[in-house]
């Protein structure tokens, strides 16, 4: 879609929406005002007719009571005795055999009863008076049996009591509600209606004044036609003005497209030249998007390289994207340098640790094979050459203590069981010695293979040192009561699991000591993986080392 077309659509759509909203608002406001005025006028008419009807019935009742004679009007229908024994105003229509509307009066005292009928034409004259009701308005009353009690202007030949009028207004009026609304009347025609009850003595009726909505809506329909004509006229003027405006806006934008495409291709040395050809908005925004992505990609890639995030990827935008190609070369050089640095660092650590372990092994042998035999010989000499029994016992005790300390030092430097019986036995002996001196519960589970173990000497030494470090840290800092360690050997890897119920530590905030650092470095030197989780009451360390084939 061309830029000019899009601007035309947007501008004219906005103008159309504004005009449409204003027209709808004006139309709705006018309709609401008209509805209120119609219902208010109907309510005035209904109130007037209700007052007239109630005054007429009251006047007729007073005249009936003021009659001196006790002659009863001749009724051509029967009325229940219960009604004849109670004075008041009644609706006799349901008992009238000719089904004509009949409002009657009953006066009863002791054994005397007087009955009279009201001239219903008087009520008819009040309700059929149509001043202010337009062409379709009418007022009528309805009885409790939902039958009409006054003549319908639309069905003048029908007896009112044969016309069923169970509408919303009638139902609510007979229930004692005064109201108004728009709904269908007894003809099924939608009308504006106001209604209220008439309650006098034993008489209960509903009076309604209504007018057809079609008559009320006639002015609104004319207003609709005028609004549509106004909208059409305004839209023609808006289109003419928007055509002139789009030419002013689009020409400079079209001339920029070629220059933006050159920049988006990654060639930043090109000069901006503007053509006079008309271009589409889609092409312009594609060029802007390419330029944005090109610059953002290079900036993001550079930022990641600055953070030494060398796993990010970047694709040059073209053959002339010198910046992109330079960044990729820089990343490759950094990756190569980091790999070499990691290899050198691990090798250096391995050499240091191997040297340290070799020195420990040498010192252990020196203590065990050198000083140990000399002390044993000294013990034999004392036993054979010293004759004073008290001095002999004291000297032997000192020599035994020294031999025991030498043995402990030798075992701490490099347990002989580690070489002779493997990592499982070495850790078992270490745990047993700690249990005797610390007094806490330490459980070690050895699940390594006894005769065909694939654990190398280097892995065994590192696992032993890791176990030592974990237990020592727990004794010094964790305040643990229970420690559990399990060492498992599988076909592909070795697993060391550690748990204590100490106070734990926050990995995100605690300053890790040399113990944890040494453990991580030993795992790294064995090409393994380590996971540490810690919280109060539960600290776990899971280590996996690959089987070296």
Protein backbone atom coordinates (compact mmCIF):
# COMPACT_ATOMS: atom_id res chain seq x y z
CA UNK A 1 0.00 0.00 0.00
CA UNK A 2 1.38 3.43 -0.95
CA UNK A 3 2.11 6.05 1.70
CA UNK A 4 -0.25 8.51 0.09
CA UNK A 5 -3.11 6.00 0.14
CA UNK A 6 -2.43 5.08 3.77
CA UNK A 7 -2.42 8.71 4.90
CA UNK A 8 -5.64 9.35 3.01
CA UNK A 9 -7.25 6.37 4.70
CA UNK A 10 -6.03 7.34 8.18
CA UNK A 11 -7.00 11.03 7.94
CA UNK A 12 -10.40 10.42 6.41
CA UNK A 13 -11.08 7.52 8.76
CA UNK A 14 -10.37 9.74 11.74
CA UNK A 15 -12.56 12.51 10.36
CA UNK A 16 -15.32 10.03 9.62
CA UNK A 17 -15.08 8.53 13.12
CA UNK A 18 -15.19 11.97 14.76
CA UNK A 19 -18.20 13.08 12.71
CA UNK A 20 -19.91 9.74 13.28
CA UNK A 21 -19.35 9.89 17.03
CA UNK A 22 -20.63 13.47 17.19
CA UNK A 23 -23.68 12.56 15.14
CA UNK A 24 -24.41 9.51 17.26
CA UNK A 25 -23.98 11.52 20.44
CA UNK A 26 -26.26 14.30 19.17
CA UNK A 27 -28.83 11.78 17.95
CA UNK A 28 -28.81 9.86 21.26
CA UNK A 29 -29.08 13.07 23.26
CA UNK A 30 -31.97 14.30 21.14
CA UNK A 31 -33.64 10.89 21.40
CA UNK A 32 -33.25 10.88 25.19
CA UNK A 33 -34.69 14.38 25.51
CA UNK A 34 -37.58 13.44 23.24
CA UNK A 35 -38.24 10.27 25.26
CA UNK A 36 -38.28 12.23 28.50
CA UNK A 37 -40.62 14.87 27.12
CA UNK A 38 -43.04 12.31 25.67
CA UNK A 39 -43.15 10.31 28.89
CA UNK A 40 -43.53 13.51 30.94
CA UNK A 41 -46.43 14.65 28.74
CA UNK A 42 -48.06 11.22 28.93
CA UNK A 43 -47.67 11.22 32.70
CA UNK A 44 -49.38 14.61 32.92
CA UNK A 45 -52.28 13.36 30.78
CA UNK A 46 -52.54 10.12 32.78
CA UNK A 47 -52.46 11.99 36.09
CA UNK A 48 -55.20 14.37 34.91
CA UNK A 49 -57.44 11.57 33.68
CA UNK A 50 -56.81 9.53 36.85
CA UNK A 51 -57.85 12.49 38.98
CA UNK A 52 -60.95 13.03 36.83
CA UNK A 53 -61.93 9.35 37.02
CA UNK A 54 -61.35 9.14 40.77
CA UNK A 55 -63.28 12.39 41.35
CA UNK A 56 -66.13 11.12 39.16
CA UNK A 57 -66.36 7.83 41.07
CA UNK A 58 -66.15 9.66 44.41
CA UNK A 59 -68.91 12.07 43.37
CA UNK A 60 -71.15 9.24 42.14
CA UNK A 61 -70.57 7.32 45.38
CA UNK A 62 -71.53 10.34 47.49
CA UNK A 63 -74.68 10.88 45.46
CA UNK A 64 -75.51 7.20 45.87
CA UNK A 65 -75.13 7.42 49.63
CA UNK A 66 -77.20 10.62 49.83
CA UNK A 67 -80.22 9.00 48.20
CA UNK A 68 -82.96 8.63 50.82
CA UNK A 69 -84.72 5.70 49.25
CA UNK A 70 -83.55 2.14 49.72
CA UNK A 71 -84.59 0.96 46.31
CA UNK A 72 -82.05 -1.32 44.70
CA UNK A 73 -81.24 -0.84 41.03
CA UNK A 74 -82.39 -3.66 38.89
CA UNK A 75 -79.37 -5.86 38.01
CA UNK A 76 -79.58 -8.30 35.16
CA UNK A 77 -76.79 -10.38 36.72
CA UNK A 78 -76.10 -11.98 40.04
CA UNK A 79 -73.62 -10.62 42.55
CA UNK A 80 -72.18 -12.79 45.36
CA UNK A 81 -73.86 -12.38 48.72
CA UNK A 82 -70.53 -11.63 50.38
CA UNK A 83 -70.26 -8.48 48.28
CA UNK A 84 -73.85 -7.39 48.97
CA UNK A 85 -73.23 -7.57 52.71
CA UNK A 86 -70.27 -5.15 52.60
CA UNK A 87 -70.63 -1.48 51.69
CA UNK A 88 -68.25 -0.02 49.15
CA UNK A 89 -67.34 0.49 45.48
CA UNK A 90 -66.95 -2.65 43.37
CA UNK A 91 -66.08 -3.74 39.85
CA UNK A 92 -69.14 -5.78 38.77
CA UNK A 93 -67.84 -6.39 35.25
CA UNK A 94 -66.85 -10.05 35.87
CA UNK A 95 -70.48 -10.79 36.96
CA UNK A 96 -72.17 -8.87 34.12
CA UNK A 97 -73.79 -11.34 31.75
CA UNK A 98 -73.48 -9.00 28.75
CA UNK A 99 -69.78 -8.48 29.66
CA UNK A 100 -70.20 -4.71 29.68
CA UNK A 101 -68.03 -2.66 32.03
CA UNK A 102 -69.88 -2.00 35.25
CA UNK A 103 -68.75 -0.13 38.34
CA UNK A 104 -71.27 -0.62 41.17
CA UNK A 105 -72.02 0.74 44.62
CA UNK A 106 -73.22 -1.29 47.61
CA UNK A 107 -74.66 0.09 50.84
CA UNK A 108 -75.56 -2.38 53.56
CA UNK A 109 -76.75 -1.84 57.11
CA UNK A 110 -78.36 -4.45 59.27
CA UNK A 111 -80.93 -6.07 56.98
CA UNK A 112 -81.05 -3.24 54.49
CA UNK A 113 -79.05 -3.35 51.24
CA UNK A 114 -78.91 -0.77 48.45
CA UNK A 115 -77.12 -1.41 45.14
CA UNK A 116 -76.41 0.99 42.31
CA UNK A 117 -74.55 1.12 38.98
CA UNK A 118 -72.48 4.01 37.72
CA UNK A 119 -73.06 5.39 34.22
CA UNK A 120 -69.95 4.05 32.48
CA UNK A 121 -70.29 6.50 29.57
CA UNK A 122 -69.04 9.24 31.88
CA UNK A 123 -65.73 7.39 32.35
CA UNK A 124 -65.64 6.67 28.63
CA UNK A 125 -65.96 10.38 27.83
CA UNK A 126 -63.01 11.20 30.13
CA UNK A 127 -60.68 8.53 28.74
CA UNK A 128 -61.52 9.04 25.04
CA UNK A 129 -60.78 12.75 25.24
CA UNK A 130 -57.51 12.87 23.20
CA UNK A 131 -56.10 16.36 23.74
CA UNK A 132 -52.28 16.19 23.55
CA UNK A 133 -52.31 12.46 22.59
CA UNK A 134 -51.34 12.81 18.95
CA UNK A 135 -52.62 10.42 16.28
CA UNK A 136 -51.94 7.16 18.13
CA UNK A 137 -52.30 8.07 21.84
CA UNK A 138 -54.99 6.70 24.14
CA UNK A 139 -55.80 6.30 27.82
CA UNK A 140 -57.61 3.27 29.26
CA UNK A 141 -58.26 1.36 32.44
CA UNK A 142 -57.85 -2.37 33.12
CA UNK A 143 -59.38 -4.61 35.78
CA UNK A 144 -57.77 -7.15 38.07
CA UNK A 145 -58.59 -9.93 35.58
CA UNK A 146 -56.34 -8.10 33.01
CA UNK A 147 -59.40 -7.23 30.91
CA UNK A 148 -60.03 -3.73 29.62
CA UNK A 149 -62.70 -1.71 31.42
CA UNK A 150 -62.83 1.28 29.03
CA UNK A 151 -63.48 1.52 25.31
CA UNK A 152 -60.41 0.98 23.07
CA UNK A 153 -60.03 3.62 20.40
CA UNK A 154 -58.41 1.03 18.14
CA UNK A 155 -61.16 -1.57 18.62
CA UNK A 156 -64.33 0.55 18.96
CA UNK A 157 -66.61 -2.37 18.04
CA UNK A 158 -65.24 -4.73 20.66
CA UNK A 159 -66.61 -5.07 24.16
CA UNK A 160 -63.81 -3.83 26.47
CA UNK A 161 -63.98 -6.83 28.83
CA UNK A 162 -63.22 -9.16 25.89
CA UNK A 163 -59.86 -7.48 25.25
CA UNK A 164 -56.99 -9.07 27.18
CA UNK A 165 -54.42 -6.51 28.40
CA UNK A 166 -51.69 -8.33 30.33
CA UNK A 167 -48.78 -6.02 29.54
CA UNK A 168 -45.82 -5.01 31.70
CA UNK A 169 -47.48 -1.72 32.66
CA UNK A 170 -50.73 -3.40 33.68
CA UNK A 171 -49.01 -6.05 35.79
CA UNK A 172 -46.91 -3.47 37.65
CA UNK A 173 -49.82 -1.03 38.10
CA UNK A 174 -52.07 -3.76 39.58
CA UNK A 175 -49.24 -4.67 41.94
CA UNK A 176 -49.29 -1.06 43.22
CA UNK A 177 -46.38 0.35 41.19
CA UNK A 178 -46.37 3.75 39.49
CA UNK A 179 -44.00 3.81 36.53
CA UNK A 180 -43.27 4.42 32.89
CA UNK A 181 -41.41 2.75 30.05
CA UNK A 182 -41.32 1.58 26.46
CA UNK A 183 -42.82 -1.84 25.72
CA UNK A 184 -45.49 -3.56 23.63
CA UNK A 185 -49.15 -2.86 24.37
CA UNK A 186 -52.19 -5.15 24.06
CA UNK A 187 -52.04 -4.84 20.24
CA UNK A 188 -48.39 -6.04 20.14
CA UNK A 189 -47.27 -2.55 19.10
CA UNK A 190 -44.34 -0.88 20.87
CA UNK A 191 -45.53 2.19 22.76
CA UNK A 192 -44.41 4.81 25.27
CA UNK A 193 -46.46 4.11 28.39
CA UNK A 194 -47.10 5.58 31.84
CA UNK A 195 -49.19 3.71 34.40
CA UNK A 196 -50.44 3.77 37.97
CA UNK A 197 -53.03 1.97 40.12
CA UNK A 198 -56.54 3.20 41.05
CA UNK A 199 -57.52 1.93 44.48
CA UNK A 200 -60.84 3.10 45.90
CA UNK A 201 -62.70 1.09 48.52
CA UNK A 202 -63.00 -2.41 47.02
CA UNK A 203 -62.26 -1.16 43.52
CA UNK A 204 -58.79 -1.93 42.10
CA UNK A 205 -57.96 -0.83 38.54
CA UNK A 206 -54.92 0.14 36.46
CA UNK A 207 -54.93 3.32 34.37
CA UNK A 208 -52.53 3.75 31.45
CA UNK A 209 -51.75 6.49 28.93
CA UNK A 210 -49.81 5.40 25.82
CA UNK A 211 -48.64 6.58 22.41
CA UNK A 212 -47.04 4.57 19.57
CA UNK A 213 -43.26 4.81 19.30
CA UNK A 214 -43.54 5.03 15.51
CA UNK A 215 -45.27 8.39 15.85
CA UNK A 216 -42.65 9.63 18.30
CA UNK A 217 -39.76 8.39 16.13
CA UNK A 218 -40.89 10.24 13.00
CA UNK A 219 -38.87 13.39 13.88
CA UNK A 220 -35.86 11.23 14.68
CA UNK A 221 -35.98 9.59 11.27
CA UNK A 222 -35.92 13.00 9.63
CA UNK A 223 -32.96 13.93 11.83
CA UNK A 224 -31.14 10.77 10.71
CA UNK A 225 -31.48 11.74 7.06
CA UNK A 226 -30.17 15.23 7.74
CA UNK A 227 -27.18 13.89 9.70
CA UNK A 228 -26.30 11.44 6.91
CA UNK A 229 -26.37 14.28 4.39
CA UNK A 230 -24.14 16.40 6.60
CA UNK A 231 -21.65 13.53 7.05
CA UNK A 232 -21.51 12.99 3.27
CA UNK A 233 -20.86 16.69 2.63
CA UNK A 234 -18.12 16.93 5.28
CA UNK A 235 -16.38 13.77 3.96
CA UNK A 236 -16.18 15.21 0.46
CA UNK A 237 -14.49 18.35 1.81
CA UNK A 238 -12.17 16.23 4.00
CA UNK A 239 -11.04 14.05 1.08
CA UNK A 240 -10.17 17.10 -1.03
CA UNK A 241 -8.12 18.64 1.78
CA UNK A 242 -6.37 15.34 2.65
CA UNK A 243 -5.28 14.87 -0.99
CA UNK A 244 -3.52 18.21 -0.86
CA UNK A 245 -1.96 17.41 2.53
CA UNK A 246 -0.61 13.98 1.53
CA UNK A 247 1.37 15.44 -1.36
CA UNK A 248 3.17 17.77 1.04
CA UNK A 249 3.99 14.92 3.47
CA UNK A 250 4.93 12.05 1.18
CA UNK A 251 7.35 13.64 -1.30
CA UNK A 252 10.23 14.22 1.18
CA UNK A 253 9.76 10.77 2.72
CA UNK A 254 9.94 9.00 -0.64
CA UNK A 255 13.21 10.74 -1.48
CA UNK A 256 14.89 9.28 1.63
CA UNK A 257 14.34 5.59 0.83
CA UNK A 258 17.43 4.98 -1.30
CA UNK A 259 19.82 6.51 1.21
CA UNK A 260 18.32 4.53 4.11
CA UNK A 261 18.71 1.23 2.24
CA UNK A 262 22.41 1.92 1.61
CA UNK A 263 22.98 2.58 5.32
CA UNK A 264 21.02 -0.53 6.33
CA UNK A 265 23.33 -2.70 4.19
CA UNK A 266 26.22 -1.83 6.53
CA UNK A 267 28.08 0.54 4.19
CA UNK A 268 28.43 3.66 6.36
CA UNK A 269 30.72 5.52 3.90
CA UNK A 270 28.02 6.20 1.34
CA UNK A 271 26.80 9.78 0.95
CA UNK A 272 23.12 10.52 1.20
CA UNK A 273 21.66 11.13 -2.24
CA UNK A 274 17.98 11.79 -2.71
CA UNK A 275 16.06 10.67 -5.77
CA UNK A 276 12.83 12.07 -7.12
CA UNK A 277 11.08 8.77 -7.73
CA UNK A 278 7.96 8.10 -5.67
CA UNK A 279 8.33 5.15 -3.29
CA UNK A 280 5.99 3.09 -1.18
CA UNK A 281 5.74 3.38 2.57
CA UNK A 282 6.43 -0.31 3.02
CA UNK A 283 9.85 -0.04 1.39
CA UNK A 284 10.76 2.97 3.48
CA UNK A 285 9.94 1.31 6.77
CA UNK A 286 11.67 -1.90 5.71
CA UNK A 287 14.82 0.12 5.11
CA UNK A 288 14.46 1.89 8.47
CA UNK A 289 13.93 -1.44 10.19
CA UNK A 290 17.00 -2.95 8.52
CA UNK A 291 19.08 0.01 9.60
CA UNK A 292 17.78 -0.24 13.14
CA UNK A 293 18.45 -3.98 13.33
CA UNK A 294 21.91 -3.58 11.86
CA UNK A 295 22.97 -0.93 14.35
CA UNK A 296 21.25 -2.55 17.30
CA UNK A 297 22.75 -5.94 16.47
CA UNK A 298 26.28 -4.53 16.28
CA UNK A 299 25.86 -2.55 19.51
CA UNK A 300 24.35 -5.51 21.38
CA UNK A 301 27.07 -7.86 20.12
CA UNK A 302 29.77 -5.39 21.16
CA UNK A 303 28.23 -5.05 24.64
CA UNK A 304 28.16 -8.83 25.06
CA UNK A 305 31.78 -9.10 23.98
CA UNK A 306 32.65 -6.43 26.55
CA UNK A 307 31.02 -8.62 29.21
CA UNK A 308 32.98 -11.65 27.89
CA UNK A 309 29.78 -13.37 26.82
CA UNK A 310 31.36 -15.20 23.90
CA UNK A 311 28.41 -17.53 23.21
CA UNK A 312 26.40 -14.83 21.43
CA UNK A 313 26.10 -14.92 17.66
CA UNK A 314 26.16 -12.19 15.02
CA UNK A 315 25.66 -12.34 11.23
CA UNK A 316 27.12 -9.58 9.00
CA UNK A 317 24.58 -7.70 6.93
CA UNK A 318 26.54 -7.99 3.71
CA UNK A 319 29.92 -8.00 2.05
CA UNK A 320 30.47 -4.35 2.97
CA UNK A 321 29.63 -4.83 6.66
CA UNK A 322 33.18 -4.21 7.88
CA UNK A 323 32.08 -3.58 11.46
CA UNK A 324 30.24 -6.88 11.72
CA UNK A 325 33.14 -8.89 10.31
CA UNK A 326 35.59 -7.20 12.68
CA UNK A 327 33.40 -7.99 15.68
CA UNK A 328 33.19 -11.66 14.67
CA UNK A 329 36.98 -11.90 14.34
CA UNK A 330 37.35 -10.28 17.75
CA UNK A 331 34.95 -12.81 19.27
CA UNK A 332 36.80 -15.77 17.71
CA UNK A 333 40.13 -14.49 19.04
CA UNK A 334 38.65 -14.00 22.51
CA UNK A 335 37.22 -17.53 22.47
CA UNK A 336 40.58 -18.95 21.44
CA UNK A 337 42.36 -16.93 24.15
CA UNK A 338 39.86 -17.93 26.84
CA UNK A 339 40.10 -21.62 25.93
CA UNK A 340 43.88 -21.53 26.11
CA UNK A 341 43.73 -19.60 29.36
CA UNK A 342 41.34 -22.14 30.90
CA UNK A 343 43.55 -25.04 29.81
CA UNK A 344 46.64 -23.36 31.22
CA UNK A 345 44.85 -22.49 34.44
CA UNK A 346 43.61 -26.05 34.96
CA UNK A 347 47.02 -27.51 34.08
CA UNK A 348 48.70 -25.12 36.50
CA UNK A 349 46.29 -26.10 39.25
CA UNK A 350 46.82 -29.75 38.50
CA UNK A 351 50.57 -29.34 38.66
CA UNK A 352 50.31 -27.46 41.95
CA UNK A 353 47.95 -30.01 43.45
CA UNK A 354 49.99 -32.94 42.11
CA UNK A 355 53.15 -31.40 43.54
CA UNK A 356 51.40 -30.81 46.85
CA UNK A 357 50.08 -34.37 46.97
CA UNK A 358 53.47 -35.78 45.99
CA UNK A 359 55.12 -33.77 48.74
CA UNK A 360 52.50 -34.96 51.21
CA UNK A 361 53.09 -38.52 50.04
CA UNK A 362 56.86 -38.12 50.47
CA UNK A 363 56.51 -36.60 53.93
CA UNK A 364 54.09 -39.35 54.91
CA UNK A 365 56.57 -42.01 53.79
CA UNK A 366 59.39 -40.25 55.58
CA UNK A 367 57.44 -40.19 58.83
CA UNK A 368 56.21 -43.75 58.42
CA UNK A 369 59.39 -45.38 57.08
CA UNK A 370 62.03 -43.14 58.65
CA UNK A 371 61.03 -41.79 62.05
CA UNK A 372 58.61 -44.61 62.79
CA UNK A 373 61.21 -47.44 62.79
CA UNK A 374 63.65 -45.30 64.79
CA UNK A 375 61.06 -44.74 67.50
CA UNK A 376 60.22 -48.44 67.51
CA UNK A 377 63.91 -49.29 67.94
CA UNK A 378 64.15 -46.74 70.74
CA UNK A 379 61.21 -48.40 72.45
CA UNK A 380 62.90 -51.84 72.26
CA UNK A 381 66.14 -50.35 73.61
CA UNK A 382 64.34 -48.80 76.56
CA UNK A 383 62.55 -52.03 77.31
CA UNK A 384 65.83 -54.02 77.32
CA UNK A 385 68.44 -51.59 78.63
CA UNK A 386 66.66 -49.42 81.21
CA UNK A 387 66.37 -51.24 84.54
CA UNK A 388 64.51 -48.63 86.62
CA UNK A 389 60.89 -49.74 86.22
CA UNK A 390 59.34 -46.32 86.89
CA UNK A 391 61.56 -44.54 84.40
CA UNK A 392 61.08 -47.35 81.90
CA UNK A 393 57.26 -47.02 82.02
CA UNK A 394 57.41 -43.23 81.71
CA UNK A 395 59.77 -43.41 78.75
CA UNK A 396 57.74 -46.13 76.99
CA UNK A 397 54.58 -44.07 77.46
CA UNK A 398 56.21 -41.01 75.91
CA UNK A 399 57.54 -43.06 73.01
CA UNK A 400 54.12 -44.67 72.38
CA UNK A 401 52.45 -41.26 72.35
CA UNK A 402 55.07 -39.99 69.91
CA UNK A 403 54.59 -43.02 67.65
CA UNK A 404 50.81 -42.48 67.73
CA UNK A 405 51.18 -38.80 66.82
CA UNK A 406 53.60 -39.67 64.00
CA UNK A 407 51.10 -42.21 62.70
CA UNK A 408 48.28 -39.64 62.79
CA UNK A 409 50.42 -37.05 60.98
CA UNK A 410 51.41 -39.58 58.36
CA UNK A 411 47.80 -40.65 57.86
CA UNK A 412 46.64 -37.02 57.57
CA UNK A 413 49.26 -36.27 54.94
CA UNK A 414 48.48 -39.34 52.86
CA UNK A 415 46.51 -42.30 54.27
CA UNK A 416 48.23 -45.57 53.48
CA UNK A 417 44.81 -47.17 53.12
CA UNK A 418 44.14 -44.90 50.14
CA UNK A 419 46.82 -46.65 48.11
CA UNK A 420 46.43 -50.07 49.66
CA UNK A 421 42.62 -50.46 49.83
CA UNK A 422 41.11 -47.57 47.85
CA UNK A 423 39.04 -44.44 48.43
CA UNK A 424 36.14 -46.24 50.14
CA UNK A 425 38.23 -47.69 52.96
CA UNK A 426 40.22 -44.46 53.35
CA UNK A 427 37.05 -42.36 53.81
CA UNK A 428 35.61 -44.99 56.16
CA UNK A 429 38.68 -44.81 58.41
CA UNK A 430 38.65 -41.00 58.28
CA UNK A 431 34.96 -40.87 59.28
CA UNK A 432 35.52 -43.31 62.16
CA UNK A 433 38.41 -41.25 63.52
CA UNK A 434 36.32 -38.02 63.33
CA UNK A 435 33.38 -39.70 65.09
CA UNK A 436 35.61 -40.63 68.02
CA UNK A 437 36.92 -37.09 68.52
CA UNK A 438 33.89 -34.93 67.53
CA UNK A 439 30.98 -36.77 69.13
CA UNK A 440 28.53 -36.00 66.24
CA UNK A 441 26.73 -38.55 64.09
CA UNK A 442 28.57 -39.19 60.80
CA UNK A 443 27.23 -41.83 58.41
CA UNK A 444 29.31 -42.88 55.42
CA UNK A 445 27.97 -45.23 52.72
CA UNK A 446 30.56 -46.82 50.43
CA UNK A 447 29.04 -47.94 47.11
CA UNK A 448 32.26 -48.26 45.12
CA UNK A 449 33.36 -51.45 43.42
CA UNK A 450 35.86 -53.37 45.52
CA UNK A 451 37.82 -55.42 42.97
CA UNK A 452 37.11 -53.78 39.61
CA UNK A 453 36.93 -50.11 40.53
CA UNK A 454 37.66 -47.67 37.69
CA UNK A 455 38.46 -44.78 40.04
CA UNK A 456 41.93 -43.48 39.19
CA UNK A 457 44.56 -42.61 41.78
CA UNK A 458 44.21 -38.90 40.99
CA UNK A 459 40.38 -39.05 41.37
CA UNK A 460 40.72 -41.02 44.61
CA UNK A 461 43.07 -38.43 46.14
CA UNK A 462 40.79 -35.54 45.09
CA UNK A 463 37.65 -37.25 46.38
CA UNK A 464 39.38 -37.97 49.71
CA UNK A 465 40.50 -34.35 50.05
CA UNK A 466 36.98 -33.13 49.14
CA UNK A 467 35.48 -35.38 51.80
CA UNK A 468 37.98 -34.12 54.35
CA UNK A 469 37.22 -30.50 53.46
CA UNK A 470 33.43 -30.96 53.69
CA UNK A 471 33.58 -32.63 57.09
CA UNK A 472 36.07 -30.12 58.49
CA UNK A 473 33.92 -27.19 57.30
CA UNK A 474 30.87 -28.73 58.97
CA UNK A 475 32.76 -29.18 62.24
CA UNK A 476 34.12 -25.62 62.20
CA UNK A 477 31.17 -23.58 60.91
CA UNK A 478 27.92 -25.52 60.38
CA UNK A 479 27.13 -26.52 64.00
CA UNK A 480 25.70 -29.74 62.56
CA UNK A 481 24.47 -32.72 64.58
CA UNK A 482 24.30 -35.19 61.70
CA UNK A 483 26.45 -35.67 58.60
CA UNK A 484 25.72 -38.16 55.81
CA UNK A 485 28.14 -39.01 53.00
CA UNK A 486 27.70 -41.51 50.19
CA UNK A 487 30.22 -42.42 47.47
CA UNK A 488 28.80 -44.29 44.46
CA UNK A 489 30.52 -45.70 41.41
CA UNK A 490 28.55 -46.19 38.21
CA UNK A 491 29.49 -47.26 34.69
CA UNK A 492 29.93 -43.71 33.41
CA UNK A 493 30.54 -41.53 36.45
CA UNK A 494 31.40 -41.34 40.13
CA UNK A 495 28.98 -39.62 42.51
CA UNK A 496 29.79 -38.09 45.91
CA UNK A 497 26.78 -36.91 47.95
CA UNK A 498 27.13 -34.90 51.18
CA UNK A 499 24.45 -33.71 53.66
CA UNK A 500 24.48 -31.98 57.06
CA UNK A 501 21.74 -30.45 59.23
CA UNK A 502 23.74 -27.38 60.24
CA UNK A 503 22.87 -23.70 60.09
CA UNK A 504 23.59 -23.48 56.36
CA UNK A 505 24.64 -20.40 54.40
CA UNK A 506 23.36 -18.09 51.63
CA UNK A 507 25.20 -18.85 48.39
CA UNK A 508 24.30 -15.42 46.95
CA UNK A 509 25.65 -13.36 49.85
CA UNK A 510 28.13 -15.46 51.82
CA UNK A 511 31.82 -14.93 51.17
CA UNK A 512 33.05 -18.39 50.21
CA UNK A 513 36.18 -19.47 52.05
CA UNK A 514 39.19 -21.29 50.70
CA UNK A 515 37.59 -24.64 51.61
CA UNK A 516 34.70 -24.33 49.13
CA UNK A 517 37.05 -22.82 46.56
CA UNK A 518 39.46 -25.77 46.91
CA UNK A 519 36.57 -28.20 46.49
CA UNK A 520 35.36 -26.48 43.31
CA UNK A 521 38.90 -26.37 41.90
CA UNK A 522 39.45 -30.09 42.55
CA UNK A 523 36.13 -30.90 40.84
CA UNK A 524 37.12 -28.72 37.88
CA UNK A 525 40.51 -30.43 37.60
CA UNK A 526 38.71 -33.79 37.36
CA UNK A 527 36.36 -32.39 34.65
CA UNK A 528 33.43 -32.89 37.02
CA UNK A 529 30.31 -31.01 38.04
CA UNK A 530 29.23 -29.73 41.47
CA UNK A 531 25.91 -28.48 42.85
CA UNK A 532 25.62 -26.82 46.27
CA UNK A 533 22.28 -26.12 47.97
CA UNK A 534 22.12 -24.69 51.47
CA UNK A 535 19.49 -23.48 53.91
CA UNK A 536 19.04 -23.72 57.69
CA UNK A 537 18.79 -27.39 58.60
CA UNK A 538 19.87 -28.75 55.21
CA UNK A 539 23.09 -28.31 53.26
CA UNK A 540 23.74 -30.67 50.35
CA UNK A 541 26.67 -31.02 47.97
CA UNK A 542 26.41 -33.24 44.88
CA UNK A 543 29.56 -33.99 42.88
CA UNK A 544 29.86 -36.05 39.70
CA UNK A 545 33.18 -37.04 38.12
CA UNK A 546 33.37 -38.83 34.75
CA UNK A 547 34.98 -42.27 34.54
CA UNK A 548 38.33 -41.84 32.80
CA UNK A 549 38.78 -44.57 30.22
